[in-house]
Amino acid sequence: MRKIITTGLILFSTTVLFAEDVKDLNTALKVSTLGVGLDISTPINDTFSARFNVNGAAYSKNETSNGNSYSGTLTLFTAGVLLDTYPFENKFRLSTGIYYNGNNFTGTAIDKVTINGTTYNISDIGKVDADITFNKIAPYIGIGWGNTTKDKGWGFTFDLGALYHGKGEVDLTSERGNSPRINEGLAKEEVKINDELADNKIYPVVALGVNYTF
């Protein structure tokens, strides 16, 4: 995680080197569908700004997939470098960029699990774990308001956009990993869940926060 944040800051710093004036700096604290976030941005010129954004959170969550219920943790972590464009003489912006995407879900099947059409009690076959991950590199596009350095002091910031995290992938494992029948069933179950995940390649981003320009 440290390496990812460090890489993002290096990319942000490299962008800043080409800025006409780096004495202005804008920071923002946000709450969003990506978790709790921090922005650091600076103008490149009158139209463009460079922004580094990092977000994170963890939630206990129950998920149902292909008829099976899993209890686990949704972990959110993203770090990205964005280019903000201000086409008008106000704080409205268009944003595009790239994120490291560490979002994932890990959970354990509750009570019963249906594998390849056969229903098993967890007490009989041992616990079944699910690990869902997405593309590690995710492009972003969106619109927003704020994070400009034209006005000093406090303000608010808003983002509405889409993160393309691609087709998710699930890994199902069982305590009884030496059972050929269970392993074959889990492999077929993975295919069905992956087909469901294929319909959700875009993660919606809605963010609201406060910002301060030095």
N, C-alpha and C. Protein backbone atom coordinates (compact mmCIF):
# COMPACT_ATOMS: atom_id res chain seq x y z
N MET A 1 0.83 -1.21 0.00
CA MET A 1 0.00 0.00 0.00
C MET A 1 0.87 1.26 0.00
N ARG A 2 1.94 1.25 0.80
CA ARG A 2 2.84 2.40 0.85
C ARG A 2 3.46 2.68 -0.51
N LYS A 3 3.83 1.59 -1.23
CA LYS A 3 4.44 1.75 -2.54
C LYS A 3 3.48 2.40 -3.52
N ILE A 4 2.20 2.02 -3.42
CA ILE A 4 1.20 2.58 -4.33
C ILE A 4 1.02 4.08 -4.07
N ILE A 5 0.90 4.46 -2.80
CA ILE A 5 0.74 5.87 -2.46
C ILE A 5 1.98 6.65 -2.89
N THR A 6 3.16 6.08 -2.63
CA THR A 6 4.40 6.76 -3.01
C THR A 6 4.47 6.96 -4.51
N THR A 7 4.10 5.92 -5.28
CA THR A 7 4.12 6.04 -6.74
C THR A 7 3.17 7.13 -7.21
N GLY A 8 1.98 7.20 -6.62
CA GLY A 8 1.02 8.24 -6.99
C GLY A 8 1.54 9.63 -6.70
N LEU A 9 2.18 9.79 -5.56
CA LEU A 9 2.75 11.09 -5.20
C LEU A 9 3.88 11.48 -6.14
N ILE A 10 4.68 10.50 -6.56
CA ILE A 10 5.76 10.78 -7.51
C ILE A 10 5.19 11.26 -8.84
N LEU A 11 4.15 10.55 -9.33
CA LEU A 11 3.50 10.96 -10.57
C LEU A 11 2.90 12.35 -10.44
N PHE A 12 2.28 12.62 -9.29
CA PHE A 12 1.69 13.93 -9.05
C PHE A 12 2.78 14.99 -9.03
N SER A 13 3.88 14.71 -8.35
CA SER A 13 4.99 15.67 -8.25
C SER A 13 5.60 15.94 -9.61
N THR A 14 5.71 14.88 -10.45
CA THR A 14 6.25 15.06 -11.79
C THR A 14 5.37 15.99 -12.61
N THR A 15 4.05 15.83 -12.48
CA THR A 15 3.12 16.71 -13.18
C THR A 15 3.28 18.14 -12.71
N VAL A 16 3.46 18.31 -11.40
CA VAL A 16 3.57 19.64 -10.82
C VAL A 16 4.81 20.37 -11.35
N LEU A 17 5.84 19.63 -11.68
CA LEU A 17 7.08 20.25 -12.19
C LEU A 17 6.83 21.06 -13.45
N PHE A 18 5.78 20.68 -14.22
CA PHE A 18 5.47 21.37 -15.45
C PHE A 18 4.46 22.51 -15.23
N ALA A 19 4.05 22.69 -14.00
CA ALA A 19 3.08 23.75 -13.70
C ALA A 19 3.74 25.12 -13.79
N GLU A 20 2.94 26.12 -14.17
CA GLU A 20 3.44 27.47 -14.26
C GLU A 20 3.63 28.10 -12.89
N ASP A 21 2.82 27.71 -11.94
CA ASP A 21 2.87 28.31 -10.61
C ASP A 21 2.43 27.26 -9.60
N VAL A 22 3.36 26.82 -8.74
CA VAL A 22 3.04 25.77 -7.79
C VAL A 22 2.93 26.29 -6.37
N LYS A 23 2.85 27.61 -6.22
CA LYS A 23 2.76 28.14 -4.86
C LYS A 23 1.37 27.94 -4.28
N ASP A 24 0.35 27.75 -5.14
CA ASP A 24 -1.01 27.54 -4.68
C ASP A 24 -1.26 26.05 -4.50
N LEU A 25 -1.90 25.70 -3.41
CA LEU A 25 -2.16 24.30 -3.11
C LEU A 25 -3.55 24.18 -2.52
N ASN A 26 -4.30 23.18 -3.00
CA ASN A 26 -5.64 22.93 -2.52
C ASN A 26 -5.71 21.53 -1.92
N THR A 27 -6.27 21.42 -0.74
CA THR A 27 -6.47 20.11 -0.11
C THR A 27 -7.95 19.94 0.20
N ALA A 28 -8.40 18.70 0.19
CA ALA A 28 -9.82 18.44 0.45
C ALA A 28 -9.98 17.13 1.20
N LEU A 29 -10.92 17.12 2.13
CA LEU A 29 -11.34 15.89 2.81
C LEU A 29 -12.75 15.55 2.32
N LYS A 30 -12.94 14.27 1.92
CA LYS A 30 -14.20 13.90 1.29
C LYS A 30 -14.73 12.58 1.83
N VAL A 31 -16.03 12.42 1.70
CA VAL A 31 -16.70 11.14 1.96
C VAL A 31 -17.36 10.74 0.65
N SER A 32 -17.13 9.49 0.23
CA SER A 32 -17.63 9.09 -1.08
C SER A 32 -17.94 7.60 -1.12
N THR A 33 -18.40 7.16 -2.27
CA THR A 33 -18.65 5.73 -2.47
C THR A 33 -17.34 4.95 -2.51
N LEU A 34 -16.20 5.64 -2.53
CA LEU A 34 -14.89 5.00 -2.45
C LEU A 34 -14.34 5.00 -1.03
N GLY A 35 -15.10 5.57 -0.09
CA GLY A 35 -14.66 5.64 1.30
C GLY A 35 -14.35 7.07 1.70
N VAL A 36 -13.49 7.22 2.70
CA VAL A 36 -13.02 8.53 3.15
C VAL A 36 -11.82 8.91 2.29
N GLY A 37 -11.82 10.13 1.75
CA GLY A 37 -10.80 10.49 0.78
C GLY A 37 -10.05 11.77 1.09
N LEU A 38 -8.88 11.88 0.49
CA LEU A 38 -8.03 13.07 0.59
C LEU A 38 -7.60 13.48 -0.81
N ASP A 39 -7.77 14.77 -1.12
CA ASP A 39 -7.29 15.36 -2.37
C ASP A 39 -6.14 16.30 -2.08
N ILE A 40 -5.15 16.31 -2.96
CA ILE A 40 -4.12 17.34 -2.99
C ILE A 40 -4.01 17.79 -4.45
N SER A 41 -4.26 19.06 -4.71
CA SER A 41 -4.24 19.53 -6.09
C SER A 41 -3.52 20.86 -6.20
N THR A 42 -3.01 21.13 -7.40
CA THR A 42 -2.32 22.39 -7.68
C THR A 42 -2.54 22.75 -9.14
N PRO A 43 -2.59 24.03 -9.50
CA PRO A 43 -2.84 24.40 -10.89
C PRO A 43 -1.62 24.15 -11.78
N ILE A 44 -1.89 23.74 -13.00
CA ILE A 44 -0.84 23.67 -14.02
C ILE A 44 -0.82 24.98 -14.80
N ASN A 45 -2.01 25.47 -15.14
CA ASN A 45 -2.17 26.79 -15.75
C ASN A 45 -3.59 27.26 -15.44
N ASP A 46 -4.10 28.22 -16.17
CA ASP A 46 -5.43 28.76 -15.87
C ASP A 46 -6.55 27.77 -16.16
N THR A 47 -6.29 26.74 -16.94
CA THR A 47 -7.34 25.81 -17.34
C THR A 47 -7.21 24.44 -16.70
N PHE A 48 -6.00 23.99 -16.42
CA PHE A 48 -5.76 22.63 -15.94
C PHE A 48 -5.16 22.61 -14.54
N SER A 49 -5.55 21.56 -13.78
CA SER A 49 -4.97 21.31 -12.46
C SER A 49 -4.61 19.84 -12.35
N ALA A 50 -3.55 19.55 -11.59
CA ALA A 50 -3.17 18.17 -11.29
C ALA A 50 -3.68 17.84 -9.89
N ARG A 51 -4.19 16.61 -9.74
CA ARG A 51 -4.76 16.22 -8.45
C ARG A 51 -4.36 14.80 -8.07
N PHE A 52 -3.92 14.62 -6.84
CA PHE A 52 -3.68 13.28 -6.28
C PHE A 52 -4.82 12.99 -5.32
N ASN A 53 -5.40 11.79 -5.46
CA ASN A 53 -6.55 11.42 -4.64
C ASN A 53 -6.35 10.02 -4.07
N VAL A 54 -6.60 9.86 -2.77
CA VAL A 54 -6.51 8.55 -2.13
C VAL A 54 -7.75 8.35 -1.27
N ASN A 55 -8.29 7.12 -1.27
CA ASN A 55 -9.52 6.81 -0.54
C ASN A 55 -9.41 5.45 0.12
N GLY A 56 -10.16 5.26 1.21
CA GLY A 56 -10.16 3.95 1.85
C GLY A 56 -11.27 3.81 2.88
N ALA A 57 -11.70 2.59 3.09
CA ALA A 57 -12.71 2.26 4.11
C ALA A 57 -12.85 0.75 4.16
N ALA A 58 -13.50 0.26 5.21
CA ALA A 58 -13.80 -1.17 5.34
C ALA A 58 -15.16 -1.31 6.00
N TYR A 59 -16.00 -2.17 5.44
CA TYR A 59 -17.35 -2.36 5.93
C TYR A 59 -17.67 -3.84 6.08
N SER A 60 -18.38 -4.18 7.15
CA SER A 60 -18.95 -5.52 7.26
C SER A 60 -20.15 -5.57 6.33
N LYS A 61 -20.25 -6.64 5.56
CA LYS A 61 -21.29 -6.67 4.52
C LYS A 61 -21.70 -8.10 4.22
N ASN A 62 -22.98 -8.29 3.94
CA ASN A 62 -23.50 -9.57 3.46
C ASN A 62 -23.77 -9.46 1.97
N GLU A 63 -23.28 -10.42 1.21
CA GLU A 63 -23.49 -10.44 -0.24
C GLU A 63 -24.18 -11.74 -0.63
N THR A 64 -25.08 -11.65 -1.60
CA THR A 64 -25.74 -12.84 -2.14
C THR A 64 -25.37 -12.97 -3.61
N SER A 65 -24.84 -14.13 -3.98
CA SER A 65 -24.45 -14.36 -5.37
C SER A 65 -24.82 -15.79 -5.76
N ASN A 66 -25.53 -15.90 -6.87
CA ASN A 66 -25.97 -17.19 -7.39
C ASN A 66 -26.73 -18.01 -6.34
N GLY A 67 -27.51 -17.30 -5.51
CA GLY A 67 -28.34 -17.95 -4.51
C GLY A 67 -27.67 -18.24 -3.19
N ASN A 68 -26.35 -17.98 -3.09
CA ASN A 68 -25.62 -18.23 -1.84
C ASN A 68 -25.32 -16.92 -1.13
N SER A 69 -25.42 -16.94 0.20
CA SER A 69 -25.17 -15.76 1.00
C SER A 69 -23.80 -15.86 1.67
N TYR A 70 -23.05 -14.75 1.59
CA TYR A 70 -21.72 -14.69 2.18
C TYR A 70 -21.65 -13.51 3.15
N SER A 71 -21.08 -13.74 4.32
CA SER A 71 -20.86 -12.70 5.31
C SER A 71 -19.38 -12.38 5.35
N GLY A 72 -19.04 -11.10 5.18
CA GLY A 72 -17.61 -10.78 5.13
C GLY A 72 -17.33 -9.30 5.21
N THR A 73 -16.23 -8.89 4.58
CA THR A 73 -15.77 -7.51 4.65
C THR A 73 -15.53 -6.96 3.26
N LEU A 74 -16.10 -5.79 3.00
CA LEU A 74 -15.82 -5.04 1.78
C LEU A 74 -14.72 -4.05 2.10
N THR A 75 -13.57 -4.23 1.48
CA THR A 75 -12.42 -3.34 1.71
C THR A 75 -12.24 -2.43 0.51
N LEU A 76 -12.22 -1.12 0.76
CA LEU A 76 -12.05 -0.14 -0.30
C LEU A 76 -10.69 0.53 -0.14
N PHE A 77 -9.92 0.55 -1.23
CA PHE A 77 -8.69 1.34 -1.27
C PHE A 77 -8.37 1.71 -2.70
N THR A 78 -8.30 3.01 -2.98
CA THR A 78 -7.94 3.50 -4.30
C THR A 78 -6.98 4.67 -4.15
N ALA A 79 -6.06 4.80 -5.10
CA ALA A 79 -5.12 5.92 -5.14
C ALA A 79 -4.90 6.28 -6.59
N GLY A 80 -5.12 7.56 -6.93
CA GLY A 80 -5.04 7.92 -8.34
C GLY A 80 -4.48 9.31 -8.58
N VAL A 81 -4.11 9.53 -9.83
CA VAL A 81 -3.65 10.83 -10.31
C VAL A 81 -4.64 11.31 -11.36
N LEU A 82 -5.17 12.52 -11.18
CA LEU A 82 -6.21 13.05 -12.05
C LEU A 82 -5.77 14.35 -12.70
N LEU A 83 -6.32 14.61 -13.88
CA LEU A 83 -6.17 15.89 -14.55
C LEU A 83 -7.54 16.56 -14.57
N ASP A 84 -7.64 17.72 -13.92
CA ASP A 84 -8.89 18.47 -13.87
C ASP A 84 -8.84 19.60 -14.90
N THR A 85 -9.90 19.71 -15.69
CA THR A 85 -10.03 20.77 -16.68
C THR A 85 -11.18 21.69 -16.28
N TYR A 86 -10.92 22.99 -16.25
CA TYR A 86 -11.94 23.98 -15.89
C TYR A 86 -12.31 24.76 -17.16
N PRO A 87 -13.37 24.32 -17.88
CA PRO A 87 -13.69 24.93 -19.18
C PRO A 87 -14.35 26.31 -19.07
N PHE A 88 -14.90 26.61 -17.90
CA PHE A 88 -15.59 27.89 -17.71
C PHE A 88 -14.88 28.69 -16.62
N GLU A 89 -15.27 29.90 -16.44
CA GLU A 89 -14.64 30.76 -15.44
C GLU A 89 -15.33 30.58 -14.08
N ASN A 90 -15.40 29.34 -13.65
CA ASN A 90 -15.94 29.04 -12.33
C ASN A 90 -15.29 27.75 -11.83
N LYS A 91 -15.88 27.08 -10.86
CA LYS A 91 -15.27 25.91 -10.24
C LYS A 91 -15.72 24.58 -10.85
N PHE A 92 -16.54 24.65 -11.89
CA PHE A 92 -16.95 23.41 -12.55
C PHE A 92 -15.76 22.80 -13.27
N ARG A 93 -15.63 21.47 -13.16
CA ARG A 93 -14.48 20.81 -13.78
C ARG A 93 -14.88 19.50 -14.45
N LEU A 94 -14.07 19.13 -15.43
CA LEU A 94 -14.09 17.81 -16.05
C LEU A 94 -12.83 17.09 -15.59
N SER A 95 -12.97 15.83 -15.21
CA SER A 95 -11.83 15.10 -14.64
C SER A 95 -11.60 13.79 -15.37
N THR A 96 -10.34 13.45 -15.54
CA THR A 96 -9.96 12.15 -16.08
C THR A 96 -8.66 11.73 -15.42
N GLY A 97 -8.46 10.42 -15.31
CA GLY A 97 -7.24 9.97 -14.66
C GLY A 97 -7.18 8.46 -14.56
N ILE A 98 -6.26 8.01 -13.75
CA ILE A 98 -6.01 6.59 -13.58
C ILE A 98 -5.84 6.27 -12.10
N TYR A 99 -6.40 5.14 -11.67
CA TYR A 99 -6.35 4.74 -10.27
C TYR A 99 -5.70 3.37 -10.10
N TYR A 100 -5.00 3.21 -8.98
CA TYR A 100 -4.73 1.88 -8.48
C TYR A 100 -5.98 1.47 -7.72
N ASN A 101 -6.50 0.27 -8.02
CA ASN A 101 -7.76 -0.18 -7.44
C ASN A 101 -7.53 -1.41 -6.56
N GLY A 102 -7.62 -1.21 -5.25
CA GLY A 102 -7.46 -2.32 -4.32
C GLY A 102 -8.77 -2.77 -3.70
N ASN A 103 -9.89 -2.37 -4.29
CA ASN A 103 -11.19 -2.75 -3.74
C ASN A 103 -11.39 -4.27 -3.85
N ASN A 104 -11.92 -4.88 -2.79
CA ASN A 104 -12.17 -6.32 -2.82
C ASN A 104 -13.18 -6.70 -1.73
N PHE A 105 -13.74 -7.89 -1.91
CA PHE A 105 -14.66 -8.44 -0.91
C PHE A 105 -14.19 -9.84 -0.53
N THR A 106 -14.11 -10.09 0.76
CA THR A 106 -13.79 -11.43 1.26
C THR A 106 -14.89 -11.85 2.22
N GLY A 107 -15.40 -13.06 2.04
CA GLY A 107 -16.50 -13.50 2.88
C GLY A 107 -16.56 -15.01 3.01
N THR A 108 -17.44 -15.47 3.89
CA THR A 108 -17.64 -16.89 4.16
C THR A 108 -19.11 -17.22 4.00
N ALA A 109 -19.40 -18.32 3.33
CA ALA A 109 -20.78 -18.74 3.11
C ALA A 109 -21.49 -18.96 4.44
N ILE A 110 -22.77 -18.56 4.50
CA ILE A 110 -23.56 -18.62 5.72
C ILE A 110 -24.45 -19.87 5.71
N ASP A 111 -24.33 -20.69 6.73
CA ASP A 111 -25.20 -21.85 6.99
C ASP A 111 -25.17 -22.92 5.90
N LYS A 112 -25.66 -22.57 4.71
CA LYS A 112 -25.73 -23.55 3.62
C LYS A 112 -25.13 -22.94 2.36
N VAL A 113 -24.70 -23.81 1.46
CA VAL A 113 -24.18 -23.35 0.18
C VAL A 113 -24.58 -24.34 -0.90
N THR A 114 -25.04 -23.81 -2.03
CA THR A 114 -25.39 -24.64 -3.17
C THR A 114 -24.24 -24.65 -4.16
N ILE A 115 -23.71 -25.82 -4.44
CA ILE A 115 -22.56 -25.97 -5.32
C ILE A 115 -22.95 -26.89 -6.47
N ASN A 116 -22.97 -26.31 -7.66
CA ASN A 116 -23.31 -27.09 -8.86
C ASN A 116 -24.64 -27.84 -8.70
N GLY A 117 -25.62 -27.14 -8.12
CA GLY A 117 -26.96 -27.70 -7.99
C GLY A 117 -27.22 -28.53 -6.76
N THR A 118 -26.18 -28.79 -5.97
CA THR A 118 -26.34 -29.58 -4.74
C THR A 118 -26.15 -28.67 -3.54
N THR A 119 -27.08 -28.72 -2.58
CA THR A 119 -27.02 -27.88 -1.39
C THR A 119 -26.36 -28.65 -0.24
N TYR A 120 -25.38 -28.01 0.39
CA TYR A 120 -24.65 -28.62 1.49
C TYR A 120 -24.78 -27.75 2.74
N ASN A 121 -24.80 -28.39 3.90
CA ASN A 121 -24.68 -27.67 5.16
C ASN A 121 -23.20 -27.37 5.40
N ILE A 122 -22.91 -26.14 5.83
CA ILE A 122 -21.53 -25.77 6.11
C ILE A 122 -20.94 -26.67 7.18
N SER A 123 -21.77 -27.10 8.13
CA SER A 123 -21.29 -27.98 9.20
C SER A 123 -20.83 -29.33 8.66
N ASP A 124 -21.32 -29.72 7.47
CA ASP A 124 -20.96 -31.00 6.89
C ASP A 124 -19.71 -30.93 6.00
N ILE A 125 -19.55 -29.81 5.26
CA ILE A 125 -18.44 -29.73 4.30
C ILE A 125 -17.35 -28.75 4.71
N GLY A 126 -17.55 -28.08 5.85
CA GLY A 126 -16.57 -27.07 6.25
C GLY A 126 -16.88 -25.73 5.59
N LYS A 127 -16.26 -24.68 6.08
CA LYS A 127 -16.59 -23.34 5.57
C LYS A 127 -16.09 -23.15 4.14
N VAL A 128 -16.85 -22.35 3.40
CA VAL A 128 -16.51 -21.99 2.02
C VAL A 128 -16.25 -20.49 1.98
N ASP A 129 -15.06 -20.12 1.53
CA ASP A 129 -14.66 -18.72 1.49
C ASP A 129 -14.72 -18.19 0.06
N ALA A 130 -15.08 -16.91 -0.05
CA ALA A 130 -15.13 -16.23 -1.34
C ALA A 130 -14.25 -14.99 -1.30
N ASP A 131 -13.46 -14.79 -2.35
CA ASP A 131 -12.59 -13.62 -2.47
C ASP A 131 -12.84 -13.01 -3.84
N ILE A 132 -13.40 -11.79 -3.87
CA ILE A 132 -13.73 -11.11 -5.13
C ILE A 132 -12.79 -9.93 -5.31
N THR A 133 -12.09 -9.89 -6.45
CA THR A 133 -11.18 -8.81 -6.77
C THR A 133 -11.52 -8.24 -8.15
N PHE A 134 -10.94 -7.06 -8.43
CA PHE A 134 -11.18 -6.38 -9.70
C PHE A 134 -9.85 -5.94 -10.31
N ASN A 135 -9.92 -5.34 -11.50
CA ASN A 135 -8.70 -4.87 -12.14
C ASN A 135 -7.93 -3.92 -11.22
N LYS A 136 -6.63 -4.10 -11.13
CA LYS A 136 -5.82 -3.25 -10.25
C LYS A 136 -5.64 -1.85 -10.82
N ILE A 137 -5.68 -1.72 -12.13
CA ILE A 137 -5.57 -0.40 -12.77
C ILE A 137 -6.93 -0.04 -13.35
N ALA A 138 -7.47 1.11 -12.93
CA ALA A 138 -8.84 1.49 -13.30
C ALA A 138 -8.88 2.93 -13.80
N PRO A 139 -9.27 3.16 -15.07
CA PRO A 139 -9.44 4.52 -15.58
C PRO A 139 -10.65 5.19 -14.92
N TYR A 140 -10.60 6.52 -14.85
CA TYR A 140 -11.69 7.29 -14.25
C TYR A 140 -12.05 8.46 -15.15
N ILE A 141 -13.35 8.77 -15.20
CA ILE A 141 -13.83 9.97 -15.88
C ILE A 141 -15.00 10.53 -15.08
N GLY A 142 -15.09 11.86 -14.99
CA GLY A 142 -16.18 12.42 -14.21
C GLY A 142 -16.27 13.93 -14.34
N ILE A 143 -17.22 14.49 -13.62
CA ILE A 143 -17.39 15.93 -13.52
C ILE A 143 -17.36 16.30 -12.04
N GLY A 144 -17.21 17.59 -11.76
CA GLY A 144 -17.17 17.98 -10.37
C GLY A 144 -17.21 19.48 -10.19
N TRP A 145 -17.06 19.87 -8.93
CA TRP A 145 -17.10 21.29 -8.55
C TRP A 145 -16.11 21.48 -7.40
N GLY A 146 -15.29 22.51 -7.51
CA GLY A 146 -14.35 22.80 -6.43
C GLY A 146 -12.91 22.48 -6.80
N ASN A 147 -12.05 22.44 -5.77
CA ASN A 147 -10.63 22.14 -5.95
C ASN A 147 -9.91 23.11 -6.89
N THR A 148 -10.39 24.32 -6.93
CA THR A 148 -9.68 25.34 -7.69
C THR A 148 -8.93 26.24 -6.72
N THR A 149 -7.84 26.84 -7.19
CA THR A 149 -7.04 27.69 -6.29
C THR A 149 -7.28 29.18 -6.54
N LYS A 150 -8.31 29.50 -7.32
CA LYS A 150 -8.58 30.91 -7.62
C LYS A 150 -9.08 31.67 -6.39
N ASP A 151 -9.81 30.96 -5.53
CA ASP A 151 -10.33 31.59 -4.31
C ASP A 151 -9.66 30.96 -3.10
N LYS A 152 -9.01 31.77 -2.29
CA LYS A 152 -8.34 31.26 -1.10
C LYS A 152 -9.35 30.93 -0.01
N GLY A 153 -8.93 30.07 0.93
CA GLY A 153 -9.77 29.75 2.06
C GLY A 153 -10.61 28.50 1.84
N TRP A 154 -11.74 28.45 2.58
CA TRP A 154 -12.57 27.25 2.60
C TRP A 154 -13.56 27.22 1.45
N GLY A 155 -13.94 26.02 1.07
CA GLY A 155 -14.96 25.82 0.06
C GLY A 155 -15.49 24.39 0.15
N PHE A 156 -16.30 23.99 -0.82
CA PHE A 156 -16.77 22.61 -0.83
C PHE A 156 -16.43 21.99 -2.18
N THR A 157 -16.38 20.69 -2.21
CA THR A 157 -16.03 19.96 -3.42
C THR A 157 -17.01 18.82 -3.64
N PHE A 158 -17.28 18.55 -4.90
CA PHE A 158 -18.24 17.52 -5.27
C PHE A 158 -17.73 16.80 -6.51
N ASP A 159 -17.89 15.48 -6.55
CA ASP A 159 -17.51 14.69 -7.71
C ASP A 159 -18.61 13.71 -8.07
N LEU A 160 -18.81 13.53 -9.36
CA LEU A 160 -19.73 12.53 -9.88
C LEU A 160 -19.04 11.89 -11.08
N GLY A 161 -18.75 10.60 -10.98
CA GLY A 161 -18.01 9.98 -12.07
C GLY A 161 -18.13 8.47 -12.08
N ALA A 162 -17.28 7.85 -12.90
CA ALA A 162 -17.32 6.40 -13.08
C ALA A 162 -15.89 5.86 -13.10
N LEU A 163 -15.68 4.80 -12.34
CA LEU A 163 -14.40 4.11 -12.28
C LEU A 163 -14.58 2.77 -13.00
N TYR A 164 -13.81 2.56 -14.05
CA TYR A 164 -13.94 1.31 -14.80
C TYR A 164 -13.02 0.26 -14.15
N HIS A 165 -13.62 -0.59 -13.31
CA HIS A 165 -12.80 -1.60 -12.62
C HIS A 165 -12.85 -2.96 -13.31
N GLY A 166 -13.53 -3.03 -14.45
CA GLY A 166 -13.51 -4.24 -15.26
C GLY A 166 -14.34 -5.38 -14.67
N LYS A 167 -14.17 -6.53 -15.28
CA LYS A 167 -14.89 -7.72 -14.86
C LYS A 167 -14.27 -8.29 -13.59
N GLY A 168 -15.08 -8.38 -12.54
CA GLY A 168 -14.58 -8.95 -11.29
C GLY A 168 -14.28 -10.43 -11.42
N GLU A 169 -13.50 -10.92 -10.50
CA GLU A 169 -13.15 -12.34 -10.50
C GLU A 169 -13.24 -12.89 -9.09
N VAL A 170 -13.91 -14.03 -8.94
CA VAL A 170 -14.11 -14.64 -7.63
C VAL A 170 -13.23 -15.88 -7.50
N ASP A 171 -12.73 -16.09 -6.31
CA ASP A 171 -11.98 -17.30 -5.97
C ASP A 171 -12.68 -17.97 -4.80
N LEU A 172 -13.21 -19.17 -5.02
CA LEU A 172 -13.91 -19.92 -3.98
C LEU A 172 -13.00 -21.04 -3.46
N THR A 173 -12.89 -21.14 -2.17
CA THR A 173 -12.08 -22.20 -1.56
C THR A 173 -12.87 -22.84 -0.42
N SER A 174 -12.58 -24.11 -0.18
CA SER A 174 -13.25 -24.86 0.87
C SER A 174 -12.23 -25.43 1.84
N GLU A 175 -12.65 -25.57 3.10
CA GLU A 175 -11.79 -26.21 4.08
C GLU A 175 -11.42 -27.63 3.64
N ARG A 176 -12.32 -28.27 2.93
CA ARG A 176 -12.07 -29.63 2.45
C ARG A 176 -11.59 -29.57 1.00
N GLY A 177 -10.44 -28.94 0.83
CA GLY A 177 -9.89 -28.75 -0.50
C GLY A 177 -9.41 -30.02 -1.16
N ASN A 178 -9.39 -31.12 -0.41
CA ASN A 178 -8.94 -32.39 -1.00
C ASN A 178 -10.09 -33.22 -1.55
N SER A 179 -11.30 -32.64 -1.59
CA SER A 179 -12.45 -33.37 -2.12
C SER A 179 -12.63 -33.03 -3.60
N PRO A 180 -12.39 -33.97 -4.52
CA PRO A 180 -12.53 -33.70 -5.96
C PRO A 180 -13.93 -33.23 -6.32
N ARG A 181 -14.94 -33.80 -5.68
CA ARG A 181 -16.31 -33.43 -6.00
C ARG A 181 -16.60 -31.99 -5.61
N ILE A 182 -16.14 -31.60 -4.40
CA ILE A 182 -16.35 -30.22 -3.94
C ILE A 182 -15.56 -29.25 -4.81
N ASN A 183 -14.32 -29.60 -5.12
CA ASN A 183 -13.49 -28.70 -5.93
C ASN A 183 -14.06 -28.50 -7.33
N GLU A 184 -14.57 -29.57 -7.92
CA GLU A 184 -15.19 -29.46 -9.24
C GLU A 184 -16.43 -28.58 -9.18
N GLY A 185 -17.22 -28.76 -8.12
CA GLY A 185 -18.42 -27.94 -7.95
C GLY A 185 -18.09 -26.48 -7.74
N LEU A 186 -17.05 -26.20 -6.96
CA LEU A 186 -16.65 -24.81 -6.71
C LEU A 186 -16.16 -24.15 -8.00
N ALA A 187 -15.45 -24.89 -8.83
CA ALA A 187 -14.98 -24.34 -10.10
C ALA A 187 -16.15 -23.93 -10.99
N LYS A 188 -17.20 -24.73 -11.03
CA LYS A 188 -18.37 -24.40 -11.83
C LYS A 188 -19.13 -23.23 -11.20
N GLU A 189 -19.13 -23.18 -9.85
CA GLU A 189 -19.78 -22.07 -9.16
C GLU A 189 -19.06 -20.75 -9.45
N GLU A 190 -17.74 -20.79 -9.54
CA GLU A 190 -16.96 -19.60 -9.87
C GLU A 190 -17.34 -19.05 -11.23
N VAL A 191 -17.55 -19.93 -12.19
CA VAL A 191 -17.93 -19.49 -13.53
C VAL A 191 -19.26 -18.75 -13.50
N LYS A 192 -20.23 -19.27 -12.74
CA LYS A 192 -21.55 -18.63 -12.65
C LYS A 192 -21.46 -17.26 -11.99
N ILE A 193 -20.67 -17.16 -10.91
CA ILE A 193 -20.53 -15.87 -10.22
C ILE A 193 -19.80 -14.87 -11.10
N ASN A 194 -18.77 -15.32 -11.80
CA ASN A 194 -18.03 -14.42 -12.69
C ASN A 194 -18.93 -13.88 -13.79
N ASP A 195 -19.88 -14.69 -14.26
CA ASP A 195 -20.84 -14.21 -15.25
C ASP A 195 -21.71 -13.09 -14.68
N GLU A 196 -22.06 -13.21 -13.39
CA GLU A 196 -22.84 -12.14 -12.74
C GLU A 196 -22.00 -10.88 -12.61
N LEU A 197 -20.74 -11.03 -12.22
CA LEU A 197 -19.86 -9.88 -12.03
C LEU A 197 -19.58 -9.15 -13.33
N ALA A 198 -19.65 -9.87 -14.45
CA ALA A 198 -19.36 -9.26 -15.75
C ALA A 198 -20.32 -8.14 -16.10
N ASP A 199 -21.48 -8.12 -15.45
CA ASP A 199 -22.48 -7.08 -15.73
C ASP A 199 -22.22 -5.80 -14.93
N ASN A 200 -21.19 -5.80 -14.08
CA ASN A 200 -20.93 -4.63 -13.22
C ASN A 200 -19.48 -4.21 -13.36
N LYS A 201 -19.12 -3.74 -14.55
CA LYS A 201 -17.73 -3.37 -14.82
C LYS A 201 -17.41 -1.93 -14.42
N ILE A 202 -18.44 -1.15 -14.14
CA ILE A 202 -18.25 0.26 -13.79
C ILE A 202 -18.69 0.51 -12.35
N TYR A 203 -17.81 1.16 -11.59
CA TYR A 203 -18.11 1.49 -10.20
C TYR A 203 -18.48 2.98 -10.13
N PRO A 204 -19.70 3.31 -9.68
CA PRO A 204 -20.10 4.72 -9.61
C PRO A 204 -19.38 5.45 -8.47
N VAL A 205 -18.97 6.66 -8.76
CA VAL A 205 -18.27 7.48 -7.77
C VAL A 205 -19.07 8.74 -7.49
N VAL A 206 -19.47 8.92 -6.25
CA VAL A 206 -20.13 10.13 -5.78
C VAL A 206 -19.40 10.60 -4.54
N ALA A 207 -18.89 11.82 -4.55
CA ALA A 207 -18.07 12.32 -3.45
C ALA A 207 -18.48 13.72 -3.06
N LEU A 208 -18.45 14.01 -1.77
CA LEU A 208 -18.77 15.33 -1.24
C LEU A 208 -17.82 15.64 -0.10
N GLY A 209 -17.30 16.87 -0.09
CA GLY A 209 -16.35 17.20 0.97
C GLY A 209 -16.10 18.70 1.08
N VAL A 210 -15.15 19.02 1.93
CA VAL A 210 -14.72 20.40 2.12
C VAL A 210 -13.27 20.53 1.67
N ASN A 211 -12.93 21.69 1.13
CA ASN A 211 -11.57 21.92 0.68
C ASN A 211 -11.05 23.26 1.20
N TYR A 212 -9.73 23.35 1.23
CA TYR A 212 -9.08 24.60 1.67
C TYR A 212 -7.92 24.92 0.74
N THR A 213 -7.89 26.16 0.27
CA THR A 213 -6.82 26.61 -0.62
C THR A 213 -5.88 27.51 0.15
N PHE A 214 -4.61 27.16 0.14
CA PHE A 214 -3.58 27.96 0.84
C PHE A 214 -3.12 29.13 -0.03
